[in-house]
Protein backbone atom coordinates (compact mmCIF):
# COMPACT_ATOMS: atom_id res chain seq x y z
CA MET A 1 49.44 -56.58 -44.18
CA SER A 2 49.32 -53.31 -42.23
CA ALA A 3 46.11 -51.50 -41.26
CA GLU A 4 47.06 -48.54 -43.45
CA SER A 5 47.25 -50.76 -46.57
CA SER A 6 44.00 -52.72 -45.89
CA ARG A 7 41.15 -51.78 -48.21
CA PHE A 8 38.57 -53.19 -45.81
CA ILE A 9 39.75 -51.01 -42.94
CA ALA A 10 39.92 -48.01 -45.24
CA PHE A 11 36.33 -48.71 -46.38
CA TRP A 12 35.13 -49.22 -42.81
CA LYS A 13 36.65 -45.94 -41.58
CA ALA A 14 34.28 -43.93 -43.80
CA ALA A 15 31.01 -43.18 -41.96
CA ASP A 16 29.00 -43.10 -45.19
CA ASN A 17 30.26 -46.52 -46.18
CA ARG A 18 29.40 -47.96 -42.78
CA ALA A 19 25.92 -46.46 -42.93
CA GLN A 20 25.37 -47.94 -46.39
CA LEU A 21 26.54 -51.37 -45.22
CA TRP A 22 24.24 -51.30 -42.20
CA SER A 23 21.33 -50.21 -44.40
CA TRP A 24 21.80 -53.15 -46.78
CA GLY A 25 22.10 -55.49 -43.80
CA PHE A 26 18.87 -54.15 -42.33
CA VAL A 27 17.05 -54.54 -45.66
CA GLY A 28 18.30 -58.12 -46.05
CA ALA A 29 17.31 -59.09 -42.49
CA SER A 30 13.86 -57.50 -42.92
CA ALA A 31 13.29 -59.37 -46.18
CA ALA A 32 14.32 -62.68 -44.60
CA LEU A 33 12.03 -62.05 -41.62
CA PHE A 34 9.10 -61.18 -43.90
CA LEU A 35 9.58 -64.33 -45.97
CA SER A 36 9.81 -66.52 -42.86
CA LEU A 37 6.58 -65.01 -41.47
CA LEU A 38 4.88 -65.53 -44.82
CA CYS A 39 5.91 -69.19 -44.91
CA LEU A 40 4.76 -69.63 -41.31
CA ALA A 41 1.35 -68.11 -42.11
CA LYS A 42 0.90 -70.44 -45.07
CA ALA A 43 1.89 -73.46 -42.97
CA MET A 44 -0.54 -72.50 -40.19
CA ASN A 45 -3.46 -71.90 -42.58
CA ARG A 46 -3.16 -75.04 -44.69
CA PRO A 47 -5.27 -78.10 -43.72
CA ARG A 48 -3.66 -80.19 -41.01
CA GLU A 49 -2.89 -83.81 -41.73
CA VAL A 50 -2.83 -86.44 -39.01
CA ILE A 51 -1.99 -90.12 -38.89
CA ARG A 52 -4.84 -92.17 -37.48
CA ILE A 53 -4.57 -95.82 -36.52
CA GLY A 54 -7.97 -97.46 -36.56
CA CYS A 55 -9.12 -100.58 -34.78
CA ASP A 56 -7.92 -102.58 -37.77
CA GLY A 57 -4.35 -101.55 -36.86
CA VAL A 58 -3.66 -99.89 -40.24
CA PRO A 59 -2.26 -96.32 -40.06
CA GLN A 60 -3.81 -93.85 -42.51
CA LEU A 61 -3.16 -90.19 -43.33
CA PHE A 62 -6.24 -88.01 -42.82
CA THR A 63 -7.16 -84.34 -43.17
CA PRO A 64 -9.48 -83.48 -40.25
CA THR A 65 -12.93 -82.70 -41.65
CA ALA A 66 -16.51 -83.09 -40.51
CA GLN A 67 -16.30 -86.74 -41.65
CA TYR A 68 -12.92 -87.30 -40.01
CA SER A 69 -14.28 -89.45 -37.19
CA GLU A 70 -16.52 -91.57 -39.39
CA PRO A 71 -15.28 -95.17 -39.44
CA ASN A 72 -14.17 -96.56 -42.77
CA GLU A 73 -14.90 -100.04 -44.09
CA PRO A 74 -11.72 -101.75 -42.76
CA GLU A 75 -12.48 -100.38 -39.28
CA ILE A 76 -16.08 -101.57 -39.46
CA ARG A 77 -14.92 -105.00 -40.60
CA ALA A 78 -12.45 -105.34 -37.70
CA PHE A 79 -14.94 -103.98 -35.16
CA VAL A 80 -17.78 -106.28 -36.22
CA SER A 81 -15.48 -109.32 -36.49
CA ASN A 82 -14.29 -108.89 -32.89
CA PHE A 83 -17.85 -108.28 -31.70
CA VAL A 84 -19.34 -111.30 -33.48
CA VAL A 85 -16.60 -113.64 -32.25
CA ALA A 86 -17.39 -112.62 -28.65
CA ILE A 87 -21.14 -113.08 -29.22
CA ALA A 88 -21.06 -116.35 -31.16
CA ARG A 89 -18.46 -118.19 -29.10
CA ALA A 90 -20.42 -120.31 -26.58
CA ASP A 91 -17.44 -120.98 -24.34
CA SER A 92 -18.43 -121.70 -20.74
CA PHE A 93 -14.90 -120.84 -19.56
CA SER A 94 -14.90 -117.35 -21.05
CA VAL A 95 -18.57 -116.51 -21.61
CA ILE A 96 -18.65 -113.78 -18.95
CA ASN A 97 -15.55 -112.05 -20.31
CA ASP A 98 -16.85 -112.44 -23.87
CA TYR A 99 -20.21 -110.93 -22.97
CA VAL A 100 -18.63 -108.04 -21.09
CA ASP A 101 -16.42 -107.33 -24.10
CA ALA A 102 -19.44 -107.50 -26.42
CA ALA A 103 -21.56 -105.28 -24.17
CA ARG A 104 -18.81 -102.63 -24.19
CA ARG A 105 -19.33 -102.26 -27.94
CA MET A 106 -23.11 -101.77 -27.68
CA ALA A 107 -25.23 -98.65 -27.44
CA PRO A 108 -26.63 -98.10 -23.89
CA ASN A 109 -30.19 -99.32 -24.61
CA LEU A 110 -29.02 -102.49 -26.34
CA ARG A 111 -26.39 -103.05 -23.65
CA GLN A 112 -29.02 -103.05 -20.90
CA ALA A 113 -31.31 -105.43 -22.79
CA PHE A 114 -28.40 -107.70 -23.68
CA MET A 115 -27.07 -107.98 -20.12
CA ARG A 116 -30.61 -108.51 -18.82
CA GLU A 117 -31.02 -111.51 -21.12
CA ALA A 118 -27.54 -112.73 -20.24
CA ARG A 119 -28.21 -112.69 -16.49
CA GLY A 120 -31.82 -113.88 -16.70
CA HIS A 121 -35.00 -112.17 -15.54
CA ASP A 122 -38.55 -112.89 -14.36
CA GLY A 123 -37.70 -116.51 -13.66
CA ARG A 124 -36.17 -116.96 -17.08
CA VAL A 125 -32.78 -118.64 -17.25
CA GLY A 126 -30.05 -116.33 -18.49
CA THR A 127 -27.87 -117.00 -21.50
CA ILE A 128 -24.73 -117.18 -19.36
CA ARG A 129 -26.14 -119.99 -17.24
CA VAL A 130 -27.30 -121.90 -20.32
CA ILE A 131 -23.84 -121.73 -21.84
CA GLN A 132 -22.09 -122.70 -18.60
CA GLU A 133 -24.31 -125.76 -18.16
CA LEU A 134 -23.35 -127.01 -21.62
CA LYS A 135 -19.73 -127.34 -20.44
CA ARG A 136 -18.41 -126.82 -23.92
CA ARG A 137 -15.51 -125.04 -25.49
CA THR A 138 -16.06 -123.61 -28.92
CA GLN A 139 -14.02 -121.58 -31.34
CA VAL A 140 -14.75 -119.14 -34.14
CA ASP A 141 -12.14 -118.32 -36.75
CA PRO A 142 -12.42 -114.55 -37.48
CA SER A 143 -10.86 -115.02 -40.92
CA SER A 144 -13.71 -117.35 -41.92
CA LEU A 145 -16.44 -114.77 -41.27
CA GLU A 146 -18.31 -113.44 -44.30
CA LEU A 147 -19.28 -109.79 -43.86
CA GLU A 148 -21.56 -107.75 -46.12
CA ILE A 149 -21.23 -104.06 -45.18
CA SER A 150 -23.75 -101.49 -46.34
CA LYS A 151 -23.26 -97.78 -45.59
CA ARG A 152 -25.94 -96.70 -48.05
CA ASP A 153 -28.43 -96.06 -45.24
CA TYR A 154 -27.95 -95.04 -41.63
CA PRO A 155 -27.58 -96.85 -39.25
CA TRP A 156 -24.99 -98.84 -41.17
CA ARG A 157 -25.85 -102.48 -41.67
CA VAL A 158 -23.58 -105.51 -41.59
CA HIS A 159 -24.71 -109.06 -42.36
CA VAL A 160 -22.39 -111.71 -40.95
CA LYS A 161 -22.21 -115.41 -41.71
CA GLY A 162 -19.85 -117.78 -39.98
CA THR A 163 -19.29 -121.19 -38.46
CA ARG A 164 -18.22 -122.14 -34.99
CA GLN A 165 -16.71 -125.46 -34.01
CA ILE A 166 -17.18 -127.40 -30.79
CA VAL A 167 -13.76 -128.52 -29.56
CA VAL A 168 -14.66 -129.76 -26.05
CA GLY A 169 -17.87 -131.32 -24.77
CA GLU A 170 -20.90 -132.99 -26.32
CA GLY A 171 -20.90 -132.78 -30.09
CA LYS A 172 -17.14 -132.42 -30.30
CA GLU A 173 -15.84 -131.57 -33.77
CA GLU A 174 -19.35 -130.50 -34.78
CA SER A 175 -19.64 -127.29 -36.80
CA GLN A 176 -22.58 -124.95 -36.29
CA PRO A 177 -23.35 -122.25 -38.86
CA PHE A 178 -24.73 -118.95 -37.59
CA SER A 179 -25.88 -115.66 -39.02
CA LEU A 180 -26.12 -112.20 -37.44
CA ASP A 181 -27.44 -108.87 -38.64
CA VAL A 182 -25.77 -105.90 -36.96
CA GLU A 183 -26.63 -102.20 -37.17
CA LEU A 184 -23.98 -99.64 -36.25
CA VAL A 185 -24.18 -95.97 -35.25
CA ARG A 186 -21.54 -93.28 -34.88
CA ALA A 187 -19.96 -92.60 -31.49
CA PRO A 188 -17.48 -89.89 -30.39
CA ARG A 189 -13.94 -91.23 -30.56
CA GLU A 190 -13.21 -89.38 -27.31
CA GLU A 191 -15.61 -91.83 -25.63
CA VAL A 192 -15.30 -94.90 -27.89
CA ILE A 193 -11.97 -95.25 -29.66
CA GLU A 194 -13.50 -97.28 -32.50
CA GLY A 195 -15.92 -94.44 -33.31
CA MET A 196 -19.01 -96.67 -33.49
CA LEU A 197 -21.40 -98.75 -31.38
CA VAL A 198 -23.78 -101.61 -32.10
CA TRP A 199 -27.32 -100.25 -32.25
CA THR A 200 -29.33 -103.41 -32.95
CA LEU A 201 -28.52 -107.11 -33.16
CA ARG A 202 -30.51 -109.89 -34.76
CA SER A 203 -29.65 -113.58 -34.90
CA ALA A 204 -31.01 -115.55 -37.82
CA GLY A 205 -29.28 -118.78 -36.79
CA ASP A 206 -29.46 -121.14 -33.83
CA ALA A 207 -26.14 -120.28 -32.24
CA VAL A 208 -26.46 -120.64 -28.45
CA GLY A 209 -23.98 -117.83 -28.03
CA ALA A 210 -26.41 -115.35 -29.58
CA PRO A 211 -28.50 -113.44 -27.04
CA ILE A 212 -31.74 -115.21 -26.26
CA GLY A 213 -34.71 -112.93 -26.77
CA LEU A 214 -33.08 -111.01 -29.60
CA ARG A 215 -33.38 -113.80 -32.14
CA GLU A 216 -35.75 -113.68 -35.04
């Protein structure tokens, strides 16, 4: 097909036709740009959604709000279970590590009092020494713990019942029931990934692993 017989070339040679084509192209590009900016503005202004993985290991979709950092019940359950296991396990081989792990989850004032009782003071034998002299190994099954969580009042309250078993040492195979009352407060997740700390701790049982001096 020759250039003289091509309708497209004949159309393109006319200046008015070219101007009209460019005008429609400009209008179409402007409309597309306006729509893309409108969609971008809507996407930027809508509430952001993030995936948060709590200390219970379960990922959840959240919209950041003022209550975004507040721990939910599964997180509280996992946090308190780990804390209570470290407190209640009177294991002379791991008592120091357990107590350090437990103290990390406490508010500063309680942490100081707890470690003071653990080390001993004013001629009083510390909890760590008492546990080490027993020369026992004990175990606590986290799945057997009974937790009653109440977020009705603040600080949040958790009542825990459980049983620990002596597996090495005097009283082997013996089971010892224990009971703890824990109060929790909020903490910045930038400082404490779990978003909470133990505010007060009370032991209603006779578990040796509970901090001496904080029992009822």
